[in-house]
Amino acid sequence: MPKYKRKFAAWAVCIALCNPQYAQADDNKEYLVKAAFIYNFIKFIEWPAEKAIAQQSKIDICTLGETPLSNASKVFAAASTPQLALSLVQDNNLHSIPQHCHVLFISESQSDRLPSILEAMKGHPVLLVSDMDGFTQAGGMIGFVIDDNKIKIDVNKREITSAGMRVDAQLLEIAHEVIDK
């Protein structure tokens, strides 16, 4: 495994599990790991100028629908710095999400609405993430998948690019599957 893959994986797992304050029930560990992954996605995605991370003092990671990810807000608080505050925000208003969210985690509870959600977010520089089956194939940007009892990611590079963002090659290297065409 290349050095940067090990470093990325180590950060994701360590942020979520190595800190004693996160010693919660096993049910929550999956979402703590997913939260750590989302935190790392921010490092490997380049947003357009008006939303560039270097220009921000606050990053909203938004959730849409009911999700256990909401219990992982401590991961983002722990990853915050005096220069950049990360917060987990529940936002069910599709019209306000593009104004303040850098990342939108779409819960499984929204699967019936997925086509309309993807349409509403089309062209907006918001990283769309979910753990729904077939999320990236349906037009989502980063989907969590379980393979061999491990959390992995699928990346839809085409959708990320069409929203005006750029994905770093290092993130593509760790992806389980990349959709590029």
N, C-alpha and C. Protein backbone atom coordinates (compact mmCIF):
# COMPACT_ATOMS: atom_id res chain seq x y z
N MET A 1 0.85 -1.17 0.00
CA MET A 1 0.00 0.00 0.00
C MET A 1 0.89 1.24 0.00
N PRO A 2 0.69 2.18 -0.95
CA PRO A 2 1.50 3.38 -0.97
C PRO A 2 1.39 4.16 0.33
N LYS A 3 2.41 4.96 0.59
CA LYS A 3 2.52 5.69 1.84
C LYS A 3 1.31 6.60 2.10
N TYR A 4 0.85 7.34 1.07
CA TYR A 4 -0.27 8.25 1.28
C TYR A 4 -1.57 7.51 1.57
N LYS A 5 -1.73 6.28 1.04
CA LYS A 5 -2.94 5.50 1.34
C LYS A 5 -2.93 5.11 2.81
N ARG A 6 -1.77 4.68 3.29
CA ARG A 6 -1.66 4.31 4.71
C ARG A 6 -1.92 5.52 5.59
N LYS A 7 -1.36 6.67 5.20
CA LYS A 7 -1.52 7.89 6.00
C LYS A 7 -3.00 8.30 6.05
N PHE A 8 -3.69 8.26 4.91
CA PHE A 8 -5.11 8.62 4.84
C PHE A 8 -5.92 7.67 5.72
N ALA A 9 -5.70 6.38 5.56
CA ALA A 9 -6.45 5.39 6.33
C ALA A 9 -6.16 5.54 7.82
N ALA A 10 -4.91 5.78 8.16
CA ALA A 10 -4.55 5.94 9.57
C ALA A 10 -5.24 7.15 10.18
N TRP A 11 -5.27 8.27 9.46
CA TRP A 11 -5.96 9.46 9.95
C TRP A 11 -7.43 9.17 10.16
N ALA A 12 -8.05 8.55 9.19
CA ALA A 12 -9.49 8.29 9.28
C ALA A 12 -9.82 7.44 10.49
N VAL A 13 -9.08 6.38 10.67
CA VAL A 13 -9.36 5.47 11.78
C VAL A 13 -8.95 6.09 13.11
N CYS A 14 -7.81 6.75 13.15
CA CYS A 14 -7.33 7.30 14.41
C CYS A 14 -8.24 8.41 14.93
N ILE A 15 -8.67 9.29 14.06
CA ILE A 15 -9.56 10.36 14.49
C ILE A 15 -10.82 9.76 15.09
N ALA A 16 -11.33 8.73 14.45
CA ALA A 16 -12.60 8.15 14.89
C ALA A 16 -12.48 7.23 16.09
N LEU A 17 -11.41 6.47 16.17
CA LEU A 17 -11.38 5.41 17.17
C LEU A 17 -10.28 5.52 18.22
N CYS A 18 -9.19 6.21 17.93
CA CYS A 18 -8.07 6.23 18.86
C CYS A 18 -8.31 7.16 20.04
N ASN A 19 -9.15 8.14 19.89
CA ASN A 19 -9.41 9.07 20.95
C ASN A 19 -10.39 8.45 21.94
N PRO A 20 -10.02 8.35 23.21
CA PRO A 20 -10.88 7.68 24.19
C PRO A 20 -12.28 8.28 24.30
N GLN A 21 -12.45 9.57 24.01
CA GLN A 21 -13.79 10.15 24.13
C GLN A 21 -14.76 9.57 23.12
N TYR A 22 -14.24 8.85 22.11
CA TYR A 22 -15.10 8.25 21.10
C TYR A 22 -15.37 6.78 21.36
N ALA A 23 -15.02 6.30 22.52
CA ALA A 23 -15.26 4.89 22.83
C ALA A 23 -16.76 4.72 23.09
N GLN A 24 -17.50 4.53 22.02
CA GLN A 24 -18.94 4.37 22.08
C GLN A 24 -19.31 2.96 21.65
N ALA A 25 -20.59 2.70 21.58
CA ALA A 25 -21.06 1.39 21.15
C ALA A 25 -20.59 1.08 19.75
N ASP A 26 -20.42 -0.22 19.43
CA ASP A 26 -19.96 -0.65 18.12
C ASP A 26 -20.83 -0.10 16.99
N ASP A 27 -22.13 0.07 17.26
CA ASP A 27 -23.03 0.59 16.23
C ASP A 27 -22.58 1.96 15.73
N ASN A 28 -22.02 2.76 16.62
CA ASN A 28 -21.61 4.11 16.24
C ASN A 28 -20.22 4.14 15.59
N LYS A 29 -19.42 3.10 15.78
CA LYS A 29 -18.06 3.13 15.24
C LYS A 29 -18.05 3.27 13.73
N GLU A 30 -18.98 2.63 13.05
CA GLU A 30 -19.04 2.75 11.59
C GLU A 30 -19.22 4.22 11.19
N TYR A 31 -20.09 4.93 11.88
CA TYR A 31 -20.33 6.33 11.53
C TYR A 31 -19.22 7.25 12.02
N LEU A 32 -18.51 6.86 13.04
CA LEU A 32 -17.33 7.63 13.44
C LEU A 32 -16.25 7.52 12.37
N VAL A 33 -16.08 6.32 11.82
CA VAL A 33 -15.11 6.13 10.74
C VAL A 33 -15.56 6.91 9.51
N LYS A 34 -16.83 6.87 9.19
CA LYS A 34 -17.34 7.62 8.04
C LYS A 34 -17.14 9.12 8.25
N ALA A 35 -17.36 9.60 9.46
CA ALA A 35 -17.12 11.02 9.76
C ALA A 35 -15.65 11.36 9.56
N ALA A 36 -14.76 10.48 9.98
CA ALA A 36 -13.33 10.72 9.79
C ALA A 36 -12.98 10.74 8.30
N PHE A 37 -13.60 9.87 7.54
CA PHE A 37 -13.40 9.89 6.09
C PHE A 37 -13.86 11.24 5.52
N ILE A 38 -15.05 11.68 5.91
CA ILE A 38 -15.58 12.95 5.41
C ILE A 38 -14.63 14.09 5.75
N TYR A 39 -14.12 14.09 6.95
CA TYR A 39 -13.13 15.11 7.33
C TYR A 39 -11.94 15.08 6.36
N ASN A 40 -11.48 13.89 6.02
CA ASN A 40 -10.35 13.78 5.10
C ASN A 40 -10.73 14.14 3.66
N PHE A 41 -11.98 13.93 3.27
CA PHE A 41 -12.40 14.33 1.92
C PHE A 41 -12.14 15.82 1.72
N ILE A 42 -12.35 16.61 2.76
CA ILE A 42 -12.16 18.06 2.66
C ILE A 42 -10.73 18.39 2.23
N LYS A 43 -9.78 17.58 2.62
CA LYS A 43 -8.38 17.80 2.26
C LYS A 43 -8.09 17.42 0.80
N PHE A 44 -8.91 16.57 0.22
CA PHE A 44 -8.62 16.04 -1.11
C PHE A 44 -9.58 16.53 -2.19
N ILE A 45 -10.41 17.49 -1.85
CA ILE A 45 -11.32 18.11 -2.83
C ILE A 45 -10.95 19.59 -2.90
N GLU A 46 -10.92 20.10 -4.12
CA GLU A 46 -10.66 21.53 -4.32
C GLU A 46 -11.96 22.17 -4.79
N TRP A 47 -12.45 23.14 -4.01
CA TRP A 47 -13.66 23.85 -4.34
C TRP A 47 -13.30 25.08 -5.17
N PRO A 48 -14.27 25.62 -5.93
CA PRO A 48 -13.99 26.84 -6.69
C PRO A 48 -13.67 28.01 -5.75
N ALA A 49 -13.12 29.06 -6.31
CA ALA A 49 -12.57 30.19 -5.55
C ALA A 49 -13.45 30.68 -4.41
N GLU A 50 -14.75 30.90 -4.67
CA GLU A 50 -15.62 31.46 -3.63
C GLU A 50 -15.84 30.50 -2.45
N LYS A 51 -15.62 29.21 -2.66
CA LYS A 51 -15.80 28.23 -1.58
C LYS A 51 -14.49 27.53 -1.22
N ALA A 52 -13.36 28.02 -1.74
CA ALA A 52 -12.06 27.39 -1.47
C ALA A 52 -11.83 27.31 0.04
N ILE A 53 -11.35 26.18 0.47
CA ILE A 53 -11.13 25.94 1.91
C ILE A 53 -10.20 26.99 2.50
N ALA A 54 -9.17 27.38 1.77
CA ALA A 54 -8.21 28.37 2.27
C ALA A 54 -8.87 29.73 2.53
N GLN A 55 -10.01 29.97 1.92
CA GLN A 55 -10.72 31.25 2.08
C GLN A 55 -11.76 31.21 3.21
N GLN A 56 -11.89 30.08 3.87
CA GLN A 56 -12.96 29.88 4.86
C GLN A 56 -12.42 29.91 6.29
N SER A 57 -13.29 30.31 7.20
CA SER A 57 -12.99 30.17 8.62
C SER A 57 -13.92 29.13 9.25
N LYS A 58 -14.97 28.75 8.50
CA LYS A 58 -15.94 27.78 8.99
C LYS A 58 -16.39 26.91 7.82
N ILE A 59 -16.46 25.61 8.06
CA ILE A 59 -16.93 24.64 7.08
C ILE A 59 -18.14 23.92 7.67
N ASP A 60 -19.25 23.94 6.94
CA ASP A 60 -20.43 23.19 7.37
C ASP A 60 -20.48 21.87 6.62
N ILE A 61 -20.51 20.79 7.38
CA ILE A 61 -20.76 19.45 6.85
C ILE A 61 -22.22 19.21 7.18
N CYS A 62 -23.06 19.19 6.17
CA CYS A 62 -24.50 19.12 6.39
C CYS A 62 -25.02 17.70 6.23
N THR A 63 -26.09 17.40 6.92
CA THR A 63 -26.77 16.12 6.78
C THR A 63 -28.20 16.38 6.34
N LEU A 64 -28.70 15.48 5.53
CA LEU A 64 -30.07 15.55 5.04
C LEU A 64 -30.76 14.25 5.42
N GLY A 65 -31.77 14.33 6.27
CA GLY A 65 -32.47 13.15 6.74
C GLY A 65 -31.88 12.63 8.04
N GLU A 66 -32.57 11.66 8.61
CA GLU A 66 -32.12 11.05 9.87
C GLU A 66 -30.95 10.11 9.61
N THR A 67 -29.87 10.30 10.37
CA THR A 67 -28.68 9.48 10.18
C THR A 67 -27.89 9.36 11.48
N PRO A 68 -27.29 8.20 11.72
CA PRO A 68 -26.40 8.06 12.89
C PRO A 68 -25.16 8.95 12.78
N LEU A 69 -24.89 9.49 11.59
CA LEU A 69 -23.74 10.39 11.44
C LEU A 69 -23.90 11.61 12.35
N SER A 70 -25.14 11.95 12.66
CA SER A 70 -25.39 13.08 13.54
C SER A 70 -24.74 12.91 14.91
N ASN A 71 -24.51 11.66 15.31
CA ASN A 71 -23.86 11.38 16.60
C ASN A 71 -22.34 11.53 16.53
N ALA A 72 -21.81 11.82 15.35
CA ALA A 72 -20.36 11.90 15.17
C ALA A 72 -19.85 13.33 15.13
N SER A 73 -20.63 14.28 15.59
CA SER A 73 -20.23 15.69 15.52
C SER A 73 -18.94 15.96 16.28
N LYS A 74 -18.63 15.14 17.28
CA LYS A 74 -17.40 15.33 18.05
C LYS A 74 -16.15 15.13 17.19
N VAL A 75 -16.26 14.30 16.16
CA VAL A 75 -15.12 14.10 15.25
C VAL A 75 -14.77 15.43 14.59
N PHE A 76 -15.78 16.15 14.12
CA PHE A 76 -15.53 17.42 13.44
C PHE A 76 -15.07 18.49 14.42
N ALA A 77 -15.63 18.49 15.62
CA ALA A 77 -15.19 19.45 16.63
C ALA A 77 -13.73 19.20 16.99
N ALA A 78 -13.33 17.93 17.11
CA ALA A 78 -11.94 17.60 17.45
C ALA A 78 -10.98 17.96 16.32
N ALA A 79 -11.46 17.91 15.08
CA ALA A 79 -10.61 18.22 13.93
C ALA A 79 -10.53 19.72 13.66
N SER A 80 -11.36 20.51 14.31
CA SER A 80 -11.36 21.95 14.10
C SER A 80 -10.08 22.58 14.65
N THR A 81 -9.71 23.68 14.05
CA THR A 81 -8.54 24.45 14.50
C THR A 81 -9.00 25.88 14.75
N PRO A 82 -8.16 26.70 15.37
CA PRO A 82 -8.55 28.10 15.54
C PRO A 82 -8.79 28.81 14.19
N GLN A 83 -8.15 28.34 13.14
CA GLN A 83 -8.31 28.96 11.82
C GLN A 83 -9.50 28.41 11.05
N LEU A 84 -9.92 27.18 11.35
CA LEU A 84 -10.98 26.54 10.57
C LEU A 84 -11.87 25.69 11.48
N ALA A 85 -13.09 26.15 11.66
CA ALA A 85 -14.06 25.41 12.48
C ALA A 85 -14.89 24.51 11.57
N LEU A 86 -15.00 23.25 11.95
CA LEU A 86 -15.82 22.27 11.23
C LEU A 86 -17.05 21.98 12.07
N SER A 87 -18.22 22.05 11.44
CA SER A 87 -19.42 21.76 12.20
C SER A 87 -20.35 20.87 11.40
N LEU A 88 -21.07 20.03 12.12
CA LEU A 88 -22.07 19.15 11.53
C LEU A 88 -23.43 19.82 11.70
N VAL A 89 -24.12 20.03 10.58
CA VAL A 89 -25.37 20.79 10.59
C VAL A 89 -26.46 19.98 9.91
N GLN A 90 -27.59 19.83 10.57
CA GLN A 90 -28.77 19.20 9.95
C GLN A 90 -29.48 20.28 9.15
N ASP A 91 -29.65 20.06 7.85
CA ASP A 91 -30.33 21.05 7.00
C ASP A 91 -31.22 20.30 6.02
N ASN A 92 -32.51 20.49 6.12
CA ASN A 92 -33.46 19.81 5.23
C ASN A 92 -34.00 20.73 4.14
N ASN A 93 -33.43 21.93 4.04
CA ASN A 93 -33.86 22.89 3.03
C ASN A 93 -32.91 22.83 1.84
N LEU A 94 -33.33 22.21 0.75
CA LEU A 94 -32.47 22.05 -0.42
C LEU A 94 -32.03 23.37 -1.02
N HIS A 95 -32.79 24.43 -0.80
CA HIS A 95 -32.44 25.74 -1.36
C HIS A 95 -31.34 26.44 -0.56
N SER A 96 -31.24 26.18 0.73
CA SER A 96 -30.21 26.85 1.54
C SER A 96 -28.88 26.08 1.56
N ILE A 97 -28.93 24.80 1.26
CA ILE A 97 -27.71 23.96 1.33
C ILE A 97 -26.57 24.51 0.49
N PRO A 98 -26.76 24.88 -0.77
CA PRO A 98 -25.63 25.37 -1.57
C PRO A 98 -24.98 26.64 -1.02
N GLN A 99 -25.73 27.45 -0.27
CA GLN A 99 -25.16 28.69 0.26
C GLN A 99 -24.15 28.47 1.38
N HIS A 100 -24.31 27.43 2.18
CA HIS A 100 -23.42 27.30 3.33
C HIS A 100 -22.75 25.94 3.49
N CYS A 101 -23.18 24.93 2.79
CA CYS A 101 -22.62 23.58 2.97
C CYS A 101 -21.49 23.31 1.98
N HIS A 102 -20.40 22.78 2.47
CA HIS A 102 -19.33 22.29 1.60
C HIS A 102 -19.56 20.81 1.29
N VAL A 103 -20.08 20.09 2.27
CA VAL A 103 -20.35 18.66 2.13
C VAL A 103 -21.79 18.42 2.56
N LEU A 104 -22.47 17.54 1.81
CA LEU A 104 -23.83 17.14 2.19
C LEU A 104 -23.86 15.63 2.26
N PHE A 105 -24.11 15.10 3.46
CA PHE A 105 -24.31 13.67 3.64
C PHE A 105 -25.80 13.40 3.54
N ILE A 106 -26.17 12.59 2.55
CA ILE A 106 -27.57 12.26 2.30
C ILE A 106 -27.86 10.89 2.90
N SER A 107 -28.76 10.85 3.87
CA SER A 107 -29.03 9.60 4.58
C SER A 107 -29.88 8.65 3.75
N GLU A 108 -29.82 7.41 4.13
CA GLU A 108 -30.62 6.35 3.50
C GLU A 108 -32.11 6.68 3.55
N SER A 109 -32.53 7.41 4.56
CA SER A 109 -33.95 7.77 4.70
C SER A 109 -34.43 8.65 3.54
N GLN A 110 -33.52 9.18 2.76
CA GLN A 110 -33.86 10.06 1.65
C GLN A 110 -33.82 9.35 0.30
N SER A 111 -33.71 8.03 0.30
CA SER A 111 -33.53 7.29 -0.96
C SER A 111 -34.67 7.52 -1.95
N ASP A 112 -35.91 7.67 -1.47
CA ASP A 112 -37.03 7.92 -2.38
C ASP A 112 -36.93 9.29 -3.04
N ARG A 113 -36.28 10.22 -2.38
CA ARG A 113 -36.13 11.59 -2.89
C ARG A 113 -34.82 11.81 -3.63
N LEU A 114 -33.97 10.79 -3.72
CA LEU A 114 -32.62 10.99 -4.25
C LEU A 114 -32.61 11.68 -5.62
N PRO A 115 -33.40 11.27 -6.59
CA PRO A 115 -33.34 11.95 -7.89
C PRO A 115 -33.60 13.47 -7.78
N SER A 116 -34.58 13.86 -6.98
CA SER A 116 -34.87 15.30 -6.85
C SER A 116 -33.78 16.03 -6.06
N ILE A 117 -33.16 15.35 -5.11
CA ILE A 117 -32.06 15.96 -4.35
C ILE A 117 -30.86 16.19 -5.28
N LEU A 118 -30.51 15.17 -6.05
CA LEU A 118 -29.38 15.30 -6.98
C LEU A 118 -29.65 16.40 -8.00
N GLU A 119 -30.88 16.50 -8.48
CA GLU A 119 -31.24 17.54 -9.44
C GLU A 119 -31.10 18.93 -8.81
N ALA A 120 -31.56 19.09 -7.57
CA ALA A 120 -31.48 20.37 -6.88
C ALA A 120 -30.04 20.79 -6.61
N MET A 121 -29.14 19.83 -6.42
CA MET A 121 -27.74 20.14 -6.12
C MET A 121 -26.87 20.24 -7.37
N LYS A 122 -27.41 19.87 -8.52
CA LYS A 122 -26.67 19.86 -9.78
C LYS A 122 -26.05 21.24 -10.05
N GLY A 123 -24.76 21.24 -10.34
CA GLY A 123 -24.05 22.47 -10.67
C GLY A 123 -23.58 23.27 -9.47
N HIS A 124 -23.95 22.88 -8.27
CA HIS A 124 -23.52 23.58 -7.06
C HIS A 124 -22.27 22.89 -6.50
N PRO A 125 -21.28 23.66 -6.06
CA PRO A 125 -20.06 23.06 -5.51
C PRO A 125 -20.26 22.55 -4.08
N VAL A 126 -21.09 21.52 -3.96
CA VAL A 126 -21.35 20.85 -2.68
C VAL A 126 -20.99 19.38 -2.90
N LEU A 127 -20.09 18.86 -2.08
CA LEU A 127 -19.69 17.46 -2.20
C LEU A 127 -20.80 16.58 -1.64
N LEU A 128 -21.40 15.76 -2.49
CA LEU A 128 -22.52 14.92 -2.11
C LEU A 128 -22.02 13.53 -1.73
N VAL A 129 -22.29 13.13 -0.50
CA VAL A 129 -21.78 11.88 0.07
C VAL A 129 -22.95 11.10 0.65
N SER A 130 -22.91 9.77 0.52
CA SER A 130 -23.95 8.93 1.11
C SER A 130 -23.45 7.50 1.27
N ASP A 131 -24.20 6.73 2.05
CA ASP A 131 -23.92 5.30 2.15
C ASP A 131 -25.07 4.48 1.56
N MET A 132 -25.91 5.13 0.72
CA MET A 132 -26.97 4.41 0.01
C MET A 132 -26.34 3.48 -1.02
N ASP A 133 -26.95 2.32 -1.20
CA ASP A 133 -26.50 1.41 -2.26
C ASP A 133 -26.63 2.11 -3.61
N GLY A 134 -25.60 2.01 -4.45
CA GLY A 134 -25.64 2.54 -5.80
C GLY A 134 -25.63 4.06 -5.89
N PHE A 135 -25.19 4.73 -4.84
CA PHE A 135 -25.24 6.20 -4.80
C PHE A 135 -24.43 6.85 -5.92
N THR A 136 -23.19 6.43 -6.10
CA THR A 136 -22.38 7.08 -7.14
C THR A 136 -22.87 6.74 -8.53
N GLN A 137 -23.40 5.55 -8.71
CA GLN A 137 -23.95 5.17 -10.01
C GLN A 137 -25.20 5.98 -10.34
N ALA A 138 -25.92 6.43 -9.32
CA ALA A 138 -27.13 7.23 -9.50
C ALA A 138 -26.83 8.71 -9.73
N GLY A 139 -25.56 9.12 -9.56
CA GLY A 139 -25.20 10.51 -9.77
C GLY A 139 -24.63 11.20 -8.55
N GLY A 140 -24.47 10.47 -7.44
CA GLY A 140 -23.83 11.03 -6.25
C GLY A 140 -22.33 11.13 -6.48
N MET A 141 -21.62 11.80 -5.58
CA MET A 141 -20.19 12.05 -5.78
C MET A 141 -19.29 11.05 -5.07
N ILE A 142 -19.53 10.82 -3.79
CA ILE A 142 -18.74 9.84 -3.04
C ILE A 142 -19.70 8.96 -2.26
N GLY A 143 -19.59 7.67 -2.49
CA GLY A 143 -20.45 6.71 -1.81
C GLY A 143 -19.63 5.77 -0.94
N PHE A 144 -20.10 5.56 0.28
CA PHE A 144 -19.48 4.57 1.15
C PHE A 144 -20.00 3.20 0.78
N VAL A 145 -19.11 2.23 0.70
CA VAL A 145 -19.49 0.85 0.44
C VAL A 145 -18.76 -0.04 1.44
N ILE A 146 -19.36 -1.15 1.74
CA ILE A 146 -18.71 -2.14 2.61
C ILE A 146 -18.24 -3.27 1.71
N ASP A 147 -16.95 -3.55 1.76
CA ASP A 147 -16.36 -4.61 0.95
C ASP A 147 -15.40 -5.37 1.84
N ASP A 148 -15.61 -6.67 1.96
CA ASP A 148 -14.76 -7.50 2.81
C ASP A 148 -14.73 -6.96 4.24
N ASN A 149 -15.91 -6.54 4.74
CA ASN A 149 -16.08 -6.00 6.09
C ASN A 149 -15.27 -4.73 6.34
N LYS A 150 -14.93 -4.00 5.28
CA LYS A 150 -14.19 -2.75 5.42
C LYS A 150 -14.97 -1.65 4.73
N ILE A 151 -14.89 -0.45 5.33
CA ILE A 151 -15.53 0.71 4.71
C ILE A 151 -14.61 1.21 3.61
N LYS A 152 -15.16 1.30 2.41
CA LYS A 152 -14.42 1.80 1.26
C LYS A 152 -15.27 2.87 0.59
N ILE A 153 -14.69 3.52 -0.42
CA ILE A 153 -15.44 4.58 -1.10
C ILE A 153 -15.45 4.35 -2.60
N ASP A 154 -16.57 4.74 -3.20
CA ASP A 154 -16.68 4.86 -4.65
C ASP A 154 -16.70 6.36 -4.93
N VAL A 155 -16.04 6.77 -6.02
CA VAL A 155 -15.95 8.19 -6.36
C VAL A 155 -16.48 8.39 -7.77
N ASN A 156 -17.38 9.33 -7.91
CA ASN A 156 -17.90 9.72 -9.22
C ASN A 156 -17.20 11.02 -9.61
N LYS A 157 -16.05 10.86 -10.25
CA LYS A 157 -15.22 12.01 -10.64
C LYS A 157 -15.98 12.91 -11.61
N ARG A 158 -16.76 12.33 -12.49
CA ARG A 158 -17.52 13.10 -13.48
C ARG A 158 -18.44 14.10 -12.79
N GLU A 159 -19.17 13.66 -11.76
CA GLU A 159 -20.10 14.54 -11.05
C GLU A 159 -19.37 15.60 -10.23
N ILE A 160 -18.25 15.24 -9.63
CA ILE A 160 -17.46 16.21 -8.86
C ILE A 160 -16.98 17.32 -9.79
N THR A 161 -16.45 16.94 -10.94
CA THR A 161 -15.95 17.90 -11.92
C THR A 161 -17.07 18.78 -12.46
N SER A 162 -18.22 18.18 -12.75
CA SER A 162 -19.33 18.97 -13.31
C SER A 162 -19.88 19.99 -12.31
N ALA A 163 -19.61 19.81 -11.02
CA ALA A 163 -20.03 20.76 -10.00
C ALA A 163 -18.99 21.84 -9.75
N GLY A 164 -17.91 21.84 -10.57
CA GLY A 164 -16.89 22.87 -10.45
C GLY A 164 -15.82 22.58 -9.43
N MET A 165 -15.74 21.34 -8.97
CA MET A 165 -14.73 20.96 -7.99
C MET A 165 -13.71 20.05 -8.66
N ARG A 166 -12.60 19.85 -7.97
CA ARG A 166 -11.56 18.96 -8.47
C ARG A 166 -11.21 17.98 -7.37
N VAL A 167 -11.02 16.72 -7.75
CA VAL A 167 -10.67 15.68 -6.79
C VAL A 167 -9.19 15.34 -6.96
N ASP A 168 -8.48 15.28 -5.87
CA ASP A 168 -7.05 14.96 -5.88
C ASP A 168 -6.86 13.49 -6.26
N ALA A 169 -5.82 13.23 -7.01
CA ALA A 169 -5.52 11.87 -7.47
C ALA A 169 -5.31 10.91 -6.30
N GLN A 170 -4.84 11.41 -5.17
CA GLN A 170 -4.62 10.53 -4.02
C GLN A 170 -5.94 9.95 -3.51
N LEU A 171 -7.01 10.72 -3.58
CA LEU A 171 -8.31 10.19 -3.16
C LEU A 171 -8.80 9.15 -4.15
N LEU A 172 -8.56 9.38 -5.41
CA LEU A 172 -8.95 8.41 -6.43
C LEU A 172 -8.18 7.10 -6.26
N GLU A 173 -6.94 7.18 -5.81
CA GLU A 173 -6.12 5.98 -5.62
C GLU A 173 -6.68 5.05 -4.55
N ILE A 174 -7.33 5.61 -3.53
CA ILE A 174 -7.84 4.73 -2.47
C ILE A 174 -9.26 4.27 -2.75
N ALA A 175 -9.87 4.80 -3.83
CA ALA A 175 -11.26 4.45 -4.14
C ALA A 175 -11.41 2.99 -4.55
N HIS A 176 -12.50 2.41 -4.13
CA HIS A 176 -12.89 1.07 -4.52
C HIS A 176 -13.26 1.06 -6.00
N GLU A 177 -14.01 2.08 -6.42
CA GLU A 177 -14.41 2.25 -7.81
C GLU A 177 -14.43 3.73 -8.15
N VAL A 178 -13.99 4.09 -9.37
CA VAL A 178 -14.02 5.46 -9.84
C VAL A 178 -14.86 5.50 -11.11
N ILE A 179 -15.84 6.40 -11.12
CA ILE A 179 -16.64 6.64 -12.32
C ILE A 179 -16.09 7.92 -12.94
N ASP A 180 -15.59 7.79 -14.17
CA ASP A 180 -14.93 8.93 -14.80
C ASP A 180 -15.57 9.30 -16.13
N LYS A 181 -16.40 8.48 -16.66
CA LYS A 181 -17.00 8.78 -17.97
C LYS A 181 -18.48 8.59 -17.94
